[in-house]
């Protein structure tokens, strides 16, 4: 098994587990765990796609990472870890 296969498989597994946890109401779609799982999973999938030079999937996963980062930022602002800008 190549490194790209291993990294990509772990990333996709994390994304799928997060999705299953949402569907079974085990975690909140706005919760820290879900946001981190999406960020890490999409980051690993993007890296694996980079290793195999699959540009379309790199763009998709980076978009997913940006969405996860935005959700994480909103989570942290609402928890007052990062103060709201005035």
PDB file of N, CA and C in Angstrom:
ATOM      1  N   UNK A   1       0.854  -1.181   0.000  1.00  0.00           N
ATOM      2  CA  UNK A   1       0.000   0.000   0.000  1.00  0.00           C
ATOM      3  C   UNK A   1       0.896   1.239   0.000  1.00  0.00           C
ATOM      4  N   UNK A   2       0.551   2.172  -0.878  1.00  0.00           N
ATOM      5  CA  UNK A   2       1.301   3.414  -0.961  1.00  0.00           C
ATOM      6  C   UNK A   2       0.912   4.351   0.180  1.00  0.00           C
ATOM      7  N   UNK A   3       1.796   5.303   0.466  1.00  0.00           N
ATOM      8  CA  UNK A   3       1.527   6.310   1.496  1.00  0.00           C
ATOM      9  C   UNK A   3       0.259   7.088   1.160  1.00  0.00           C
ATOM     10  N   UNK A   4       0.086   7.447  -0.103  1.00  0.00           N
ATOM     11  CA  UNK A   4      -1.102   8.207  -0.506  1.00  0.00           C
ATOM     12  C   UNK A   4      -2.382   7.411  -0.242  1.00  0.00           C
ATOM     13  N   UNK A   5      -2.327   6.099  -0.456  1.00  0.00           N
ATOM     14  CA  UNK A   5      -3.493   5.249  -0.185  1.00  0.00           C
ATOM     15  C   UNK A   5      -3.818   5.219   1.305  1.00  0.00           C
ATOM     16  N   UNK A   6      -2.797   5.085   2.113  1.00  0.00           N
ATOM     17  CA  UNK A   6      -2.983   5.019   3.560  1.00  0.00           C
ATOM     18  C   UNK A   6      -3.525   6.340   4.105  1.00  0.00           C
ATOM     19  N   UNK A   7      -2.888   7.439   3.721  1.00  0.00           N
ATOM     20  CA  UNK A   7      -3.312   8.763   4.195  1.00  0.00           C
ATOM     21  C   UNK A   7      -4.735   9.064   3.723  1.00  0.00           C
ATOM     22  N   UNK A   8      -5.015   8.801   2.457  1.00  0.00           N
ATOM     23  CA  UNK A   8      -6.337   9.045   1.914  1.00  0.00           C
ATOM     24  C   UNK A   8      -7.398   8.191   2.590  1.00  0.00           C
ATOM     25  N   UNK A   9      -7.082   6.937   2.849  1.00  0.00           N
ATOM     26  CA  UNK A   9      -8.033   6.040   3.508  1.00  0.00           C
ATOM     27  C   UNK A   9      -8.345   6.495   4.924  1.00  0.00           C
ATOM     28  N   UNK A  10      -7.337   6.940   5.641  1.00  0.00           N
ATOM     29  CA  UNK A  10      -7.563   7.440   7.005  1.00  0.00           C
ATOM     30  C   UNK A  10      -8.421   8.703   6.955  1.00  0.00           C
ATOM     31  N   UNK A  11      -8.110   9.613   6.035  1.00  0.00           N
ATOM     32  CA  UNK A  11      -8.883  10.846   5.911  1.00  0.00           C
ATOM     33  C   UNK A  11     -10.339  10.586   5.585  1.00  0.00           C
ATOM     34  N   UNK A  12     -10.577   9.727   4.608  1.00  0.00           N
ATOM     35  CA  UNK A  12     -11.953   9.407   4.217  1.00  0.00           C
ATOM     36  C   UNK A  12     -12.669   8.674   5.346  1.00  0.00           C
ATOM     37  N   UNK A  13     -11.974   7.795   6.050  1.00  0.00           N
ATOM     38  CA  UNK A  13     -12.594   7.088   7.186  1.00  0.00           C
ATOM     39  C   UNK A  13     -13.040   8.075   8.263  1.00  0.00           C
ATOM     40  N   UNK A  14     -12.203   9.061   8.550  1.00  0.00           N
ATOM     41  CA  UNK A  14     -12.569  10.076   9.546  1.00  0.00           C
ATOM     42  C   UNK A  14     -13.810  10.840   9.091  1.00  0.00           C
ATOM     43  N   UNK A  15     -13.852  11.212   7.813  1.00  0.00           N
ATOM     44  CA  UNK A  15     -15.014  11.923   7.282  1.00  0.00           C
ATOM     45  C   UNK A  15     -16.278  11.070   7.364  1.00  0.00           C
ATOM     46  N   UNK A  16     -16.167   9.804   7.017  1.00  0.00           N
ATOM     47  CA  UNK A  16     -17.327   8.916   7.068  1.00  0.00           C
ATOM     48  C   UNK A  16     -17.798   8.655   8.494  1.00  0.00           C
ATOM     49  N   UNK A  17     -16.870   8.486   9.410  1.00  0.00           N
ATOM     50  CA  UNK A  17     -17.238   8.291  10.812  1.00  0.00           C
ATOM     51  C   UNK A  17     -17.956   9.526  11.344  1.00  0.00           C
ATOM     52  N   UNK A  18     -17.446  10.697  11.004  1.00  0.00           N
ATOM     53  CA  UNK A  18     -18.105  11.941  11.428  1.00  0.00           C
ATOM     54  C   UNK A  18     -19.528  12.005  10.883  1.00  0.00           C
ATOM     55  N   UNK A  19     -19.699  11.636   9.626  1.00  0.00           N
ATOM     56  CA  UNK A  19     -21.020  11.659   9.005  1.00  0.00           C
ATOM     57  C   UNK A  19     -21.967  10.665   9.685  1.00  0.00           C
ATOM     58  N   UNK A  20     -21.486   9.476   9.969  1.00  0.00           N
ATOM     59  CA  UNK A  20     -22.302   8.468  10.656  1.00  0.00           C
ATOM     60  C   UNK A  20     -22.682   8.945  12.055  1.00  0.00           C
ATOM     61  N   UNK A  21     -21.735   9.564  12.756  1.00  0.00           N
ATOM     62  CA  UNK A  21     -22.032  10.078  14.101  1.00  0.00           C
ATOM     63  C   UNK A  21     -23.105  11.164  14.056  1.00  0.00           C
ATOM     64  N   UNK A  22     -23.102  11.978  13.015  1.00  0.00           N
ATOM     65  CA  UNK A  22     -24.146  12.996  12.842  1.00  0.00           C
ATOM     66  C   UNK A  22     -25.491  12.327  12.575  1.00  0.00           C
ATOM     67  N   UNK A  23     -25.501  11.368  11.660  1.00  0.00           N
ATOM     68  CA  UNK A  23     -26.754  10.704  11.290  1.00  0.00           C
ATOM     69  C   UNK A  23     -27.388   9.952  12.459  1.00  0.00           C
ATOM     70  N   UNK A  24     -26.565   9.457  13.358  1.00  0.00           N
ATOM     71  CA  UNK A  24     -27.076   8.704  14.505  1.00  0.00           C
ATOM     72  C   UNK A  24     -27.239   9.570  15.750  1.00  0.00           C
ATOM     73  N   UNK A  25     -27.120  10.892  15.556  1.00  0.00           N
ATOM     74  CA  UNK A  25     -27.283  11.861  16.653  1.00  0.00           C
ATOM     75  C   UNK A  25     -26.335  11.624  17.835  1.00  0.00           C
ATOM     76  N   UNK A  26     -25.149  11.146  17.543  1.00  0.00           N
ATOM     77  CA  UNK A  26     -24.136  10.936  18.597  1.00  0.00           C
ATOM     78  C   UNK A  26     -23.343  12.197  18.883  1.00  0.00           C
ATOM     79  N   UNK A  27     -23.221  13.047  17.860  1.00  0.00           N
ATOM     80  CA  UNK A  27     -22.523  14.321  18.019  1.00  0.00           C
ATOM     81  C   UNK A  27     -23.335  15.410  17.330  1.00  0.00           C
ATOM     82  N   UNK A  28     -23.043  16.647  17.686  1.00  0.00           N
ATOM     83  CA  UNK A  28     -23.740  17.802  17.106  1.00  0.00           C
ATOM     84  C   UNK A  28     -23.036  18.258  15.839  1.00  0.00           C
ATOM     85  N   UNK A  29     -23.830  18.661  14.844  1.00  0.00           N
ATOM     86  CA  UNK A  29     -23.231  19.169  13.610  1.00  0.00           C
ATOM     87  C   UNK A  29     -22.510  20.492  13.834  1.00  0.00           C
ATOM     88  N   UNK A  30     -22.789  21.163  14.933  1.00  0.00           N
ATOM     89  CA  UNK A  30     -22.118  22.415  15.277  1.00  0.00           C
ATOM     90  C   UNK A  30     -21.077  22.226  16.376  1.00  0.00           C
ATOM     91  N   UNK A  31     -20.828  20.985  16.750  1.00  0.00           N
ATOM     92  CA  UNK A  31     -19.915  20.706  17.851  1.00  0.00           C
ATOM     93  C   UNK A  31     -18.454  20.685  17.432  1.00  0.00           C
ATOM     94  N   UNK A  32     -17.609  20.831  18.415  1.00  0.00           N
ATOM     95  CA  UNK A  32     -16.162  20.868  18.184  1.00  0.00           C
ATOM     96  C   UNK A  32     -15.652  19.567  17.564  1.00  0.00           C
ATOM     97  N   UNK A  33     -16.126  18.425  18.047  1.00  0.00           N
ATOM     98  CA  UNK A  33     -15.637  17.142  17.537  1.00  0.00           C
ATOM     99  C   UNK A  33     -15.916  16.994  16.041  1.00  0.00           C
ATOM    100  N   UNK A  34     -17.130  17.303  15.628  1.00  0.00           N
ATOM    101  CA  UNK A  34     -17.490  17.195  14.217  1.00  0.00           C
ATOM    102  C   UNK A  34     -16.635  18.124  13.357  1.00  0.00           C
ATOM    103  N   UNK A  35     -16.471  19.351  13.808  1.00  0.00           N
ATOM    104  CA  UNK A  35     -15.683  20.316  13.044  1.00  0.00           C
ATOM    105  C   UNK A  35     -14.227  19.873  12.922  1.00  0.00           C
ATOM    106  N   UNK A  36     -13.667  19.366  14.002  1.00  0.00           N
ATOM    107  CA  UNK A  36     -12.281  18.897  13.963  1.00  0.00           C
ATOM    108  C   UNK A  36     -12.130  17.651  13.099  1.00  0.00           C
ATOM    109  N   UNK A  37     -13.106  16.748  13.181  1.00  0.00           N
ATOM    110  CA  UNK A  37     -13.046  15.536  12.348  1.00  0.00           C
ATOM    111  C   UNK A  37     -13.108  15.912  10.865  1.00  0.00           C
ATOM    112  N   UNK A  38     -13.960  16.863  10.522  1.00  0.00           N
ATOM    113  CA  UNK A  38     -14.041  17.314   9.128  1.00  0.00           C
ATOM    114  C   UNK A  38     -12.746  17.989   8.690  1.00  0.00           C
ATOM    115  N   UNK A  39     -12.189  18.805   9.546  1.00  0.00           N
ATOM    116  CA  UNK A  39     -10.948  19.495   9.213  1.00  0.00           C
ATOM    117  C   UNK A  39      -9.797  18.508   9.010  1.00  0.00           C
ATOM    118  N   UNK A  40      -9.639  17.592   9.928  1.00  0.00           N
ATOM    119  CA  UNK A  40      -8.546  16.615   9.844  1.00  0.00           C
ATOM    120  C   UNK A  40      -8.765  15.649   8.681  1.00  0.00           C
ATOM    121  N   UNK A  41      -9.986  15.142   8.561  1.00  0.00           N
ATOM    122  CA  UNK A  41     -10.287  14.194   7.484  1.00  0.00           C
ATOM    123  C   UNK A  41     -10.099  14.805   6.112  1.00  0.00           C
ATOM    124  N   UNK A  42     -10.600  16.009   5.930  1.00  0.00           N
ATOM    125  CA  UNK A  42     -10.453  16.654   4.623  1.00  0.00           C
ATOM    126  C   UNK A  42      -8.999  17.056   4.369  1.00  0.00           C
ATOM    127  N   UNK A  43      -8.285  17.415   5.420  1.00  0.00           N
ATOM    128  CA  UNK A  43      -6.870  17.738   5.261  1.00  0.00           C
ATOM    129  C   UNK A  43      -6.063  16.535   4.810  1.00  0.00           C
ATOM    130  N   UNK A  44      -6.338  15.389   5.405  1.00  0.00           N
ATOM    131  CA  UNK A  44      -5.639  14.163   5.005  1.00  0.00           C
ATOM    132  C   UNK A  44      -6.020  13.753   3.588  1.00  0.00           C
ATOM    133  N   UNK A  45      -7.290  13.865   3.257  1.00  0.00           N
ATOM    134  CA  UNK A  45      -7.734  13.522   1.903  1.00  0.00           C
ATOM    135  C   UNK A  45      -7.119  14.475   0.871  1.00  0.00           C
ATOM    136  N   UNK A  46      -7.021  15.757   1.211  1.00  0.00           N
ATOM    137  CA  UNK A  46      -6.397  16.726   0.305  1.00  0.00           C
ATOM    138  C   UNK A  46      -4.917  16.402   0.111  1.00  0.00           C
ATOM    139  N   UNK A  47      -4.246  16.047   1.197  1.00  0.00           N
ATOM    140  CA  UNK A  47      -2.825  15.707   1.099  1.00  0.00           C
ATOM    141  C   UNK A  47      -2.625  14.463   0.238  1.00  0.00           C
ATOM    142  N   UNK A  48      -3.470  13.460   0.442  1.00  0.00           N
ATOM    143  CA  UNK A  48      -3.366  12.240  -0.367  1.00  0.00           C
ATOM    144  C   UNK A  48      -3.613  12.563  -1.845  1.00  0.00           C
ATOM    145  N   UNK A  49      -4.571  13.433  -2.112  1.00  0.00           N
ATOM    146  CA  UNK A  49      -4.857  13.838  -3.490  1.00  0.00           C
ATOM    147  C   UNK A  49      -3.683  14.598  -4.095  1.00  0.00           C
ATOM    148  N   UNK A  50      -3.022  15.395  -3.274  1.00  0.00           N
ATOM    149  CA  UNK A  50      -1.827  16.108  -3.717  1.00  0.00           C
ATOM    150  C   UNK A  50      -0.731  15.115  -4.098  1.00  0.00           C
ATOM    151  N   UNK A  51      -0.587  14.070  -3.293  1.00  0.00           N
ATOM    152  CA  UNK A  51       0.450  13.075  -3.556  1.00  0.00           C
ATOM    153  C   UNK A  51       0.237  12.345  -4.882  1.00  0.00           C
ATOM    154  N   UNK A  52      -1.026  12.186  -5.279  1.00  0.00           N
ATOM    155  CA  UNK A  52      -1.303  11.492  -6.545  1.00  0.00           C
ATOM    156  C   UNK A  52      -1.632  12.476  -7.676  1.00  0.00           C
ATOM    157  N   UNK A  53      -1.489  13.764  -7.395  1.00  0.00           N
ATOM    158  CA  UNK A  53      -1.700  14.818  -8.388  1.00  0.00           C
ATOM    159  C   UNK A  53      -3.125  14.823  -8.950  1.00  0.00           C
ATOM    160  N   UNK A  54      -4.116  14.673  -8.070  1.00  0.00           N
ATOM    161  CA  UNK A  54      -5.524  14.671  -8.484  1.00  0.00           C
ATOM    162  C   UNK A  54      -6.136  16.013  -8.101  1.00  0.00           C
ATOM    163  N   UNK A  55      -5.971  16.979  -8.992  1.00  0.00           N
ATOM    164  CA  UNK A  55      -6.297  18.379  -8.733  1.00  0.00           C
ATOM    165  C   UNK A  55      -7.751  18.606  -8.345  1.00  0.00           C
ATOM    166  N   UNK A  56      -8.681  17.969  -9.035  1.00  0.00           N
ATOM    167  CA  UNK A  56     -10.094  18.203  -8.757  1.00  0.00           C
ATOM    168  C   UNK A  56     -10.449  17.857  -7.302  1.00  0.00           C
ATOM    169  N   UNK A  57      -9.916  16.785  -6.828  1.00  0.00           N
ATOM    170  CA  UNK A  57     -10.205  16.374  -5.463  1.00  0.00           C
ATOM    171  C   UNK A  57      -9.471  17.257  -4.454  1.00  0.00           C
ATOM    172  N   UNK A  58      -8.305  17.756  -4.818  1.00  0.00           N
ATOM    173  CA  UNK A  58      -7.592  18.703  -3.955  1.00  0.00           C
ATOM    174  C   UNK A  58      -8.460  19.934  -3.737  1.00  0.00           C
ATOM    175  N   UNK A  59      -9.034  20.453  -4.823  1.00  0.00           N
ATOM    176  CA  UNK A  59      -9.904  21.636  -4.725  1.00  0.00           C
ATOM    177  C   UNK A  59     -11.110  21.341  -3.845  1.00  0.00           C
ATOM    178  N   UNK A  60     -11.740  20.190  -4.030  1.00  0.00           N
ATOM    179  CA  UNK A  60     -12.900  19.807  -3.220  1.00  0.00           C
ATOM    180  C   UNK A  60     -12.538  19.736  -1.744  1.00  0.00           C
ATOM    181  N   UNK A  61     -11.461  19.061  -1.425  1.00  0.00           N
ATOM    182  CA  UNK A  61     -11.087  18.870  -0.023  1.00  0.00           C
ATOM    183  C   UNK A  61     -10.603  20.164   0.628  1.00  0.00           C
ATOM    184  N   UNK A  62      -9.930  21.008  -0.127  1.00  0.00           N
ATOM    185  CA  UNK A  62      -9.523  22.303   0.430  1.00  0.00           C
ATOM    186  C   UNK A  62     -10.755  23.160   0.695  1.00  0.00           C
ATOM    187  N   UNK A  63     -11.752  23.073  -0.184  1.00  0.00           N
ATOM    188  CA  UNK A  63     -13.016  23.789   0.056  1.00  0.00           C
ATOM    189  C   UNK A  63     -13.674  23.285   1.332  1.00  0.00           C
ATOM    190  N   UNK A  64     -13.648  21.977   1.527  1.00  0.00           N
ATOM    191  CA  UNK A  64     -14.203  21.372   2.737  1.00  0.00           C
ATOM    192  C   UNK A  64     -13.418  21.832   3.968  1.00  0.00           C
ATOM    193  N   UNK A  65     -12.121  21.926   3.838  1.00  0.00           N
ATOM    194  CA  UNK A  65     -11.287  22.405   4.944  1.00  0.00           C
ATOM    195  C   UNK A  65     -11.627  23.852   5.297  1.00  0.00           C
ATOM    196  N   UNK A  66     -11.822  24.689   4.283  1.00  0.00           N
ATOM    197  CA  UNK A  66     -12.161  26.092   4.520  1.00  0.00           C
ATOM    198  C   UNK A  66     -13.504  26.197   5.223  1.00  0.00           C
ATOM    199  N   UNK A  67     -14.480  25.400   4.776  1.00  0.00           N
ATOM    200  CA  UNK A  67     -15.789  25.388   5.432  1.00  0.00           C
ATOM    201  C   UNK A  67     -15.659  24.936   6.884  1.00  0.00           C
ATOM    202  N   UNK A  68     -14.830  23.940   7.128  1.00  0.00           N
ATOM    203  CA  UNK A  68     -14.610  23.459   8.490  1.00  0.00           C
ATOM    204  C   UNK A  68     -13.922  24.520   9.346  1.00  0.00           C
ATOM    205  N   UNK A  69     -12.960  25.215   8.768  1.00  0.00           N
ATOM    206  CA  UNK A  69     -12.280  26.288   9.497  1.00  0.00           C
ATOM    207  C   UNK A  69     -13.242  27.419   9.832  1.00  0.00           C
ATOM    208  N   UNK A  70     -14.142  27.758   8.899  1.00  0.00           N
ATOM    209  CA  UNK A  70     -15.137  28.784   9.158  1.00  0.00           C
ATOM    210  C   UNK A  70     -16.062  28.346  10.295  1.00  0.00           C
ATOM    211  N   UNK A  71     -16.512  27.096  10.258  1.00  0.00           N
ATOM    212  CA  UNK A  71     -17.352  26.570  11.330  1.00  0.00           C
ATOM    213  C   UNK A  71     -16.624  26.556  12.664  1.00  0.00           C
ATOM    214  N   UNK A  72     -15.355  26.199  12.644  1.00  0.00           N
ATOM    215  CA  UNK A  72     -14.548  26.187  13.861  1.00  0.00           C
ATOM    216  C   UNK A  72     -14.377  27.599  14.404  1.00  0.00           C
ATOM    217  N   UNK A  73     -14.144  28.552  13.520  1.00  0.00           N
ATOM    218  CA  UNK A  73     -14.033  29.953  13.940  1.00  0.00           C
ATOM    219  C   UNK A  73     -15.336  30.414  14.591  1.00  0.00           C
ATOM    220  N   UNK A  74     -16.476  30.116  13.967  1.00  0.00           N
ATOM    221  CA  UNK A  74     -17.771  30.485  14.541  1.00  0.00           C
ATOM    222  C   UNK A  74     -17.976  29.826  15.898  1.00  0.00           C
ATOM    223  N   UNK A  75     -17.579  28.572  16.015  1.00  0.00           N
ATOM    224  CA  UNK A  75     -17.696  27.851  17.283  1.00  0.00           C
ATOM    225  C   UNK A  75     -16.873  28.548  18.362  1.00  0.00           C
ATOM    226  N   UNK A  76     -15.640  28.887  18.043  1.00  0.00           N
ATOM    227  CA  UNK A  76     -14.752  29.501  19.026  1.00  0.00           C
ATOM    228  C   UNK A  76     -15.206  30.901  19.401  1.00  0.00           C
ATOM    229  N   UNK A  77     -15.743  31.652  18.434  1.00  0.00           N
ATOM    230  CA  UNK A  77     -16.267  32.988  18.728  1.00  0.00           C
ATOM    231  C   UNK A  77     -17.470  32.875  19.662  1.00  0.00           C
ATOM    232  N   UNK A  78     -18.370  31.931  19.373  1.00  0.00           N
ATOM    233  CA  UNK A  78     -19.559  31.754  20.207  1.00  0.00           C
ATOM    234  C   UNK A  78     -19.222  31.266  21.607  1.00  0.00           C
ATOM    235  N   UNK A  79     -18.125  30.516  21.738  1.00  0.00           N
ATOM    236  CA  UNK A  79     -17.685  30.054  23.059  1.00  0.00           C
ATOM    237  C   UNK A  79     -16.828  31.108  23.758  1.00  0.00           C
ATOM    238  N   UNK A  80     -16.646  32.242  23.094  1.00  0.00           N
ATOM    239  CA  UNK A  80     -15.875  33.383  23.593  1.00  0.00           C
ATOM    240  C   UNK A  80     -14.403  33.049  23.824  1.00  0.00           C
ATOM    241  N   UNK A  81     -13.909  32.055  23.095  1.00  0.00           N
ATOM    242  CA  UNK A  81     -12.480  31.761  23.128  1.00  0.00           C
ATOM    243  C   UNK A  81     -11.752  32.816  22.302  1.00  0.00           C
ATOM    244  N   UNK A  82     -12.348  33.175  21.152  1.00  0.00           N
ATOM    245  CA  UNK A  82     -11.895  34.294  20.355  1.00  0.00           C
ATOM    246  C   UNK A  82     -12.947  35.389  20.495  1.00  0.00           C
ATOM    247  N   UNK A  83     -12.573  36.560  20.942  1.00  0.00           N
ATOM    248  CA  UNK A  83     -13.575  37.626  21.082  1.00  0.00           C
ATOM    249  C   UNK A  83     -14.111  38.079  19.740  1.00  0.00           C
ATOM    250  N   UNK A  84     -15.379  38.486  19.726  1.00  0.00           N
ATOM    251  CA  UNK A  84     -15.987  39.018  18.504  1.00  0.00           C
ATOM    252  C   UNK A  84     -15.362  40.370  18.183  1.00  0.00           C
ATOM    253  N   UNK A  85     -15.145  40.603  16.899  1.00  0.00           N
ATOM    254  CA  UNK A  85     -14.596  41.902  16.496  1.00  0.00           C
ATOM    255  C   UNK A  85     -15.717  42.928  16.514  1.00  0.00           C
ATOM    256  N   UNK A  86     -15.361  44.176  16.811  1.00  0.00           N
ATOM    257  CA  UNK A  86     -16.376  45.235  16.896  1.00  0.00           C
ATOM    258  C   UNK A  86     -16.374  46.098  15.670  1.00  0.00           C
TER     259      UNK A  86
END
